[in-house]
Amino acid sequence: MMVTNLCTSPSSTITLQADKWVHLTALPSVRWMTYWVSFDVNVTGGTVSIIGTQGEFSARQRVSYMTYLNNSAPLSANYSVKSGSPTVTVTNILICTQADYQANKTLLDGIGYFDGDTMPRA
């Protein structure tokens, strides 16, 4: 498998903020590009919906989704509070192009746990 992780610090823990975009990486995105984003999310103290995903989250689990960017800002994540006063953190982040994802779909879909430091980074 040769997937280049576009996340600069994949194993760091990033605390998201409600209704505010928080960068997952320091690298700028390529405008008009589709990316596959996957990370472990840990939600405590409430329930949230993460922009770009389907469903609601209230525990620790792996989240993956495609996102199309019309800007060149670093890729970010955002959530909305559905109940409670949640704290939301993400770690083990993998960001790759849709082409990388499609070329390695079977392997990437099978990853239950991802240690971001084990893949080549841009």
N, C-alpha and C. Protein backbone atom coordinates (compact mmCIF):
# COMPACT_ATOMS: atom_id res chain seq x y z
N MET A 1 0.86 -1.18 0.00
CA MET A 1 0.00 0.00 0.00
C MET A 1 0.89 1.23 0.00
N MET A 2 0.63 2.13 -0.92
CA MET A 2 1.38 3.38 -0.96
C MET A 2 0.40 4.54 -0.94
N VAL A 3 0.10 4.99 0.25
CA VAL A 3 -0.78 6.13 0.44
C VAL A 3 0.03 7.21 1.12
N THR A 4 0.04 8.40 0.57
CA THR A 4 0.73 9.52 1.21
C THR A 4 -0.25 10.25 2.11
N ASN A 5 0.04 10.26 3.40
CA ASN A 5 -0.81 10.96 4.36
C ASN A 5 -0.50 12.45 4.29
N LEU A 6 -1.50 13.25 3.95
CA LEU A 6 -1.33 14.68 3.83
C LEU A 6 -1.45 15.41 5.16
N CYS A 7 -1.67 14.66 6.24
CA CYS A 7 -1.73 15.25 7.57
C CYS A 7 -0.31 15.37 8.11
N THR A 8 0.06 16.56 8.56
CA THR A 8 1.43 16.80 9.01
C THR A 8 1.74 16.18 10.37
N SER A 9 0.75 16.03 11.25
CA SER A 9 0.95 15.43 12.58
C SER A 9 -0.18 14.45 12.87
N PRO A 10 -0.20 13.31 12.18
CA PRO A 10 -1.35 12.41 12.25
C PRO A 10 -1.65 11.81 13.62
N SER A 11 -0.64 11.64 14.47
CA SER A 11 -0.92 11.02 15.76
C SER A 11 -1.16 12.04 16.87
N SER A 12 -1.13 13.32 16.55
CA SER A 12 -1.41 14.33 17.57
C SER A 12 -2.90 14.32 17.90
N THR A 13 -3.25 14.84 19.06
CA THR A 13 -4.65 14.95 19.46
C THR A 13 -5.10 16.39 19.26
N ILE A 14 -6.15 16.56 18.48
CA ILE A 14 -6.69 17.89 18.17
C ILE A 14 -8.07 18.01 18.78
N THR A 15 -8.29 19.08 19.53
CA THR A 15 -9.61 19.33 20.13
C THR A 15 -10.41 20.20 19.17
N LEU A 16 -11.55 19.67 18.73
CA LEU A 16 -12.42 20.43 17.83
C LEU A 16 -13.26 21.41 18.65
N GLN A 17 -13.86 22.37 17.98
CA GLN A 17 -14.73 23.34 18.63
C GLN A 17 -16.05 23.39 17.90
N ALA A 18 -17.12 23.53 18.66
CA ALA A 18 -18.46 23.57 18.07
C ALA A 18 -18.59 24.76 17.14
N ASP A 19 -19.09 24.48 15.94
CA ASP A 19 -19.40 25.51 14.95
C ASP A 19 -18.19 26.35 14.54
N LYS A 20 -16.98 25.79 14.68
CA LYS A 20 -15.77 26.49 14.25
C LYS A 20 -14.86 25.49 13.56
N TRP A 21 -14.33 25.87 12.40
CA TRP A 21 -13.43 24.99 11.66
C TRP A 21 -12.07 24.98 12.32
N VAL A 22 -11.58 23.78 12.65
CA VAL A 22 -10.27 23.60 13.28
C VAL A 22 -9.40 22.79 12.32
N HIS A 23 -8.20 23.29 12.01
CA HIS A 23 -7.30 22.62 11.07
C HIS A 23 -6.87 21.25 11.59
N LEU A 24 -6.92 20.25 10.70
CA LEU A 24 -6.41 18.92 11.00
C LEU A 24 -4.96 18.77 10.56
N THR A 25 -4.51 19.67 9.72
CA THR A 25 -3.15 19.63 9.19
C THR A 25 -2.68 21.05 8.90
N ALA A 26 -1.38 21.22 8.78
CA ALA A 26 -0.83 22.55 8.49
C ALA A 26 -0.68 22.78 6.99
N LEU A 27 -0.70 21.71 6.20
CA LEU A 27 -0.50 21.84 4.76
C LEU A 27 -1.71 22.44 4.07
N PRO A 28 -1.50 23.33 3.11
CA PRO A 28 -2.65 23.84 2.34
C PRO A 28 -3.24 22.74 1.47
N SER A 29 -4.51 22.85 1.19
CA SER A 29 -5.18 21.90 0.31
C SER A 29 -5.05 22.37 -1.13
N VAL A 30 -5.32 21.47 -2.05
CA VAL A 30 -5.37 21.84 -3.47
C VAL A 30 -6.82 22.18 -3.79
N ARG A 31 -7.04 23.37 -4.29
CA ARG A 31 -8.39 23.83 -4.59
C ARG A 31 -9.03 22.94 -5.65
N TRP A 32 -10.31 22.64 -5.49
CA TRP A 32 -11.13 21.81 -6.38
C TRP A 32 -10.74 20.33 -6.32
N MET A 33 -10.16 19.91 -5.22
CA MET A 33 -9.72 18.52 -5.05
C MET A 33 -10.65 17.81 -4.07
N THR A 34 -10.84 16.51 -4.29
CA THR A 34 -11.61 15.69 -3.37
C THR A 34 -10.64 14.88 -2.52
N TYR A 35 -10.86 14.90 -1.21
CA TYR A 35 -10.01 14.20 -0.26
C TYR A 35 -10.80 13.16 0.52
N TRP A 36 -10.12 12.11 0.92
CA TRP A 36 -10.68 11.13 1.86
C TRP A 36 -10.06 11.45 3.21
N VAL A 37 -10.91 11.61 4.21
CA VAL A 37 -10.49 11.97 5.56
C VAL A 37 -10.93 10.86 6.50
N SER A 38 -10.03 10.41 7.36
CA SER A 38 -10.37 9.37 8.33
C SER A 38 -9.65 9.68 9.63
N PHE A 39 -10.38 9.58 10.75
CA PHE A 39 -9.75 9.82 12.05
C PHE A 39 -10.55 9.13 13.15
N ASP A 40 -9.88 8.96 14.30
CA ASP A 40 -10.56 8.47 15.50
C ASP A 40 -11.15 9.70 16.18
N VAL A 41 -12.44 9.66 16.44
CA VAL A 41 -13.08 10.77 17.15
C VAL A 41 -13.47 10.24 18.54
N ASN A 42 -13.29 11.09 19.54
CA ASN A 42 -13.69 10.74 20.90
C ASN A 42 -14.59 11.85 21.41
N VAL A 43 -15.86 11.50 21.64
CA VAL A 43 -16.85 12.47 22.10
C VAL A 43 -17.24 12.10 23.53
N THR A 44 -17.08 13.05 24.46
CA THR A 44 -17.50 12.83 25.84
C THR A 44 -18.44 13.96 26.26
N GLY A 45 -19.43 13.64 27.06
CA GLY A 45 -20.31 14.66 27.63
C GLY A 45 -21.42 15.15 26.73
N GLY A 46 -21.72 14.42 25.67
CA GLY A 46 -22.80 14.86 24.79
C GLY A 46 -22.80 14.12 23.48
N THR A 47 -23.57 14.66 22.54
CA THR A 47 -23.72 14.07 21.21
C THR A 47 -23.49 15.17 20.18
N VAL A 48 -22.77 14.82 19.10
CA VAL A 48 -22.46 15.80 18.06
C VAL A 48 -22.73 15.21 16.68
N SER A 49 -22.83 16.09 15.70
CA SER A 49 -22.78 15.67 14.30
C SER A 49 -21.57 16.38 13.71
N ILE A 50 -20.75 15.63 12.98
CA ILE A 50 -19.54 16.18 12.39
C ILE A 50 -19.83 16.55 10.94
N ILE A 51 -19.52 17.77 10.59
CA ILE A 51 -19.80 18.27 9.24
C ILE A 51 -19.10 17.37 8.22
N GLY A 52 -19.85 16.92 7.21
CA GLY A 52 -19.32 16.06 6.17
C GLY A 52 -19.63 14.59 6.38
N THR A 53 -20.05 14.23 7.59
CA THR A 53 -20.37 12.83 7.89
C THR A 53 -21.87 12.67 8.08
N GLN A 54 -22.27 11.42 8.18
CA GLN A 54 -23.68 11.14 8.45
C GLN A 54 -23.79 10.55 9.84
N GLY A 55 -24.88 10.86 10.52
CA GLY A 55 -25.12 10.29 11.84
C GLY A 55 -24.65 11.20 12.95
N GLU A 56 -24.83 10.71 14.16
CA GLU A 56 -24.43 11.44 15.36
C GLU A 56 -23.45 10.59 16.14
N PHE A 57 -22.57 11.26 16.87
CA PHE A 57 -21.50 10.58 17.59
C PHE A 57 -21.52 10.97 19.06
N SER A 58 -21.36 9.96 19.93
CA SER A 58 -21.36 10.22 21.37
C SER A 58 -20.36 9.33 22.09
N ALA A 59 -19.41 8.76 21.37
CA ALA A 59 -18.42 7.86 21.96
C ALA A 59 -17.16 7.92 21.11
N ARG A 60 -16.27 6.95 21.32
CA ARG A 60 -15.04 6.87 20.52
C ARG A 60 -15.28 5.92 19.36
N GLN A 61 -14.94 6.37 18.16
CA GLN A 61 -15.07 5.52 16.98
C GLN A 61 -14.29 6.10 15.82
N ARG A 62 -14.12 5.29 14.78
CA ARG A 62 -13.43 5.72 13.56
C ARG A 62 -14.45 6.38 12.64
N VAL A 63 -14.09 7.53 12.10
CA VAL A 63 -14.96 8.28 11.19
C VAL A 63 -14.20 8.47 9.88
N SER A 64 -14.85 8.20 8.75
CA SER A 64 -14.23 8.40 7.45
C SER A 64 -15.25 9.01 6.49
N TYR A 65 -14.78 9.91 5.64
CA TYR A 65 -15.68 10.55 4.68
C TYR A 65 -14.89 11.20 3.56
N MET A 66 -15.55 11.45 2.44
CA MET A 66 -14.98 12.20 1.32
C MET A 66 -15.40 13.66 1.47
N THR A 67 -14.50 14.57 1.09
CA THR A 67 -14.85 15.97 1.11
C THR A 67 -14.23 16.67 -0.10
N TYR A 68 -15.00 17.54 -0.71
CA TYR A 68 -14.57 18.30 -1.88
C TYR A 68 -14.27 19.72 -1.42
N LEU A 69 -13.09 20.22 -1.74
CA LEU A 69 -12.70 21.55 -1.27
C LEU A 69 -12.68 22.56 -2.41
N ASN A 70 -13.28 23.70 -2.17
CA ASN A 70 -13.26 24.77 -3.17
C ASN A 70 -12.34 25.91 -2.72
N ASN A 71 -11.43 25.60 -1.78
CA ASN A 71 -10.46 26.59 -1.33
C ASN A 71 -9.12 25.89 -1.10
N SER A 72 -8.10 26.65 -0.77
CA SER A 72 -6.77 26.06 -0.58
C SER A 72 -6.32 26.13 0.88
N ALA A 73 -7.28 26.31 1.80
CA ALA A 73 -6.95 26.32 3.23
C ALA A 73 -6.61 24.90 3.68
N PRO A 74 -5.87 24.76 4.78
CA PRO A 74 -5.63 23.42 5.31
C PRO A 74 -6.96 22.72 5.63
N LEU A 75 -7.00 21.41 5.45
CA LEU A 75 -8.23 20.67 5.70
C LEU A 75 -8.60 20.77 7.18
N SER A 76 -9.87 21.01 7.45
CA SER A 76 -10.36 21.26 8.80
C SER A 76 -11.57 20.40 9.11
N ALA A 77 -11.94 20.35 10.38
CA ALA A 77 -13.14 19.64 10.82
C ALA A 77 -13.95 20.56 11.72
N ASN A 78 -15.25 20.28 11.80
CA ASN A 78 -16.20 21.12 12.51
C ASN A 78 -17.34 20.23 12.98
N TYR A 79 -17.97 20.57 14.08
CA TYR A 79 -19.12 19.81 14.53
C TYR A 79 -20.20 20.72 15.09
N SER A 80 -21.41 20.16 15.15
CA SER A 80 -22.56 20.83 15.77
C SER A 80 -22.99 20.02 16.97
N VAL A 81 -23.35 20.70 18.04
CA VAL A 81 -23.81 20.03 19.26
C VAL A 81 -25.26 19.60 19.08
N LYS A 82 -25.53 18.33 19.37
CA LYS A 82 -26.90 17.81 19.32
C LYS A 82 -27.48 17.70 20.73
N SER A 83 -26.63 17.40 21.72
CA SER A 83 -27.08 17.35 23.11
C SER A 83 -25.88 17.46 24.04
N GLY A 84 -26.13 17.93 25.26
CA GLY A 84 -25.09 18.02 26.27
C GLY A 84 -24.10 19.14 26.02
N SER A 85 -22.95 19.00 26.67
CA SER A 85 -21.83 19.94 26.50
C SER A 85 -20.59 19.11 26.17
N PRO A 86 -20.52 18.63 24.94
CA PRO A 86 -19.47 17.66 24.60
C PRO A 86 -18.08 18.25 24.45
N THR A 87 -17.10 17.40 24.69
CA THR A 87 -15.71 17.64 24.33
C THR A 87 -15.41 16.67 23.20
N VAL A 88 -14.82 17.17 22.13
CA VAL A 88 -14.58 16.35 20.94
C VAL A 88 -13.10 16.44 20.56
N THR A 89 -12.42 15.29 20.54
CA THR A 89 -11.03 15.25 20.11
C THR A 89 -10.89 14.26 18.96
N VAL A 90 -9.90 14.52 18.12
CA VAL A 90 -9.58 13.59 17.03
C VAL A 90 -8.09 13.27 17.08
N THR A 91 -7.74 12.05 16.66
CA THR A 91 -6.35 11.61 16.57
C THR A 91 -6.26 10.53 15.50
N ASN A 92 -5.06 10.05 15.24
CA ASN A 92 -4.83 9.02 14.23
C ASN A 92 -5.46 9.43 12.89
N ILE A 93 -5.07 10.58 12.41
CA ILE A 93 -5.66 11.22 11.24
C ILE A 93 -5.00 10.74 9.96
N LEU A 94 -5.82 10.41 8.99
CA LEU A 94 -5.35 10.09 7.65
C LEU A 94 -6.10 10.97 6.66
N ILE A 95 -5.34 11.74 5.88
CA ILE A 95 -5.92 12.56 4.82
C ILE A 95 -5.19 12.19 3.54
N CYS A 96 -5.94 11.78 2.52
CA CYS A 96 -5.31 11.46 1.24
C CYS A 96 -6.23 11.90 0.11
N THR A 97 -5.72 11.91 -1.08
CA THR A 97 -6.54 12.29 -2.23
C THR A 97 -7.53 11.17 -2.53
N GLN A 98 -8.59 11.51 -3.23
CA GLN A 98 -9.57 10.51 -3.63
C GLN A 98 -8.90 9.44 -4.49
N ALA A 99 -7.95 9.84 -5.34
CA ALA A 99 -7.25 8.87 -6.20
C ALA A 99 -6.46 7.87 -5.36
N ASP A 100 -5.75 8.34 -4.32
CA ASP A 100 -5.03 7.44 -3.41
C ASP A 100 -6.01 6.49 -2.73
N TYR A 101 -7.14 7.05 -2.28
CA TYR A 101 -8.14 6.22 -1.62
C TYR A 101 -8.67 5.13 -2.57
N GLN A 102 -9.05 5.54 -3.77
CA GLN A 102 -9.62 4.57 -4.72
C GLN A 102 -8.62 3.47 -5.07
N ALA A 103 -7.34 3.83 -5.19
CA ALA A 103 -6.31 2.85 -5.54
C ALA A 103 -6.05 1.87 -4.40
N ASN A 104 -6.39 2.24 -3.17
CA ASN A 104 -6.12 1.42 -1.99
C ASN A 104 -7.37 1.18 -1.15
N LYS A 105 -8.54 1.25 -1.79
CA LYS A 105 -9.82 1.22 -1.09
C LYS A 105 -10.00 0.01 -0.17
N THR A 106 -9.71 -1.17 -0.65
CA THR A 106 -9.91 -2.38 0.15
C THR A 106 -9.08 -2.33 1.43
N LEU A 107 -7.82 -1.96 1.30
CA LEU A 107 -6.96 -1.88 2.47
C LEU A 107 -7.40 -0.77 3.42
N LEU A 108 -7.69 0.42 2.89
CA LEU A 108 -8.07 1.54 3.74
C LEU A 108 -9.41 1.29 4.44
N ASP A 109 -10.36 0.68 3.74
CA ASP A 109 -11.65 0.38 4.36
C ASP A 109 -11.52 -0.65 5.47
N GLY A 110 -10.47 -1.47 5.41
CA GLY A 110 -10.28 -2.51 6.40
C GLY A 110 -9.51 -2.07 7.64
N ILE A 111 -9.02 -0.83 7.62
CA ILE A 111 -8.25 -0.35 8.77
C ILE A 111 -9.20 -0.06 9.92
N GLY A 112 -9.06 -0.81 11.00
CA GLY A 112 -9.87 -0.55 12.19
C GLY A 112 -9.18 0.44 13.10
N TYR A 113 -7.86 0.40 13.12
CA TYR A 113 -7.08 1.32 13.93
C TYR A 113 -5.93 1.81 13.06
N PHE A 114 -5.73 3.09 13.04
CA PHE A 114 -4.69 3.69 12.20
C PHE A 114 -3.72 4.47 13.07
N ASP A 115 -2.44 4.11 13.01
CA ASP A 115 -1.40 4.89 13.67
C ASP A 115 -0.78 5.76 12.60
N GLY A 116 -1.07 7.02 12.62
CA GLY A 116 -0.66 7.94 11.57
C GLY A 116 0.82 8.01 11.31
N ASP A 117 1.64 7.61 12.26
CA ASP A 117 3.09 7.71 12.06
C ASP A 117 3.66 6.57 11.24
N THR A 118 2.84 5.62 10.83
CA THR A 118 3.36 4.47 10.09
C THR A 118 3.24 4.60 8.58
N MET A 119 2.68 5.69 8.07
CA MET A 119 2.54 5.88 6.63
C MET A 119 3.39 7.05 6.17
N PRO A 120 3.83 7.03 4.91
CA PRO A 120 4.59 8.19 4.39
C PRO A 120 3.73 9.45 4.46
N ARG A 121 4.40 10.55 4.78
CA ARG A 121 3.70 11.83 4.85
C ARG A 121 4.25 12.78 3.80
N ALA A 122 3.40 13.67 3.34
CA ALA A 122 3.81 14.64 2.31
C ALA A 122 4.81 15.62 2.89
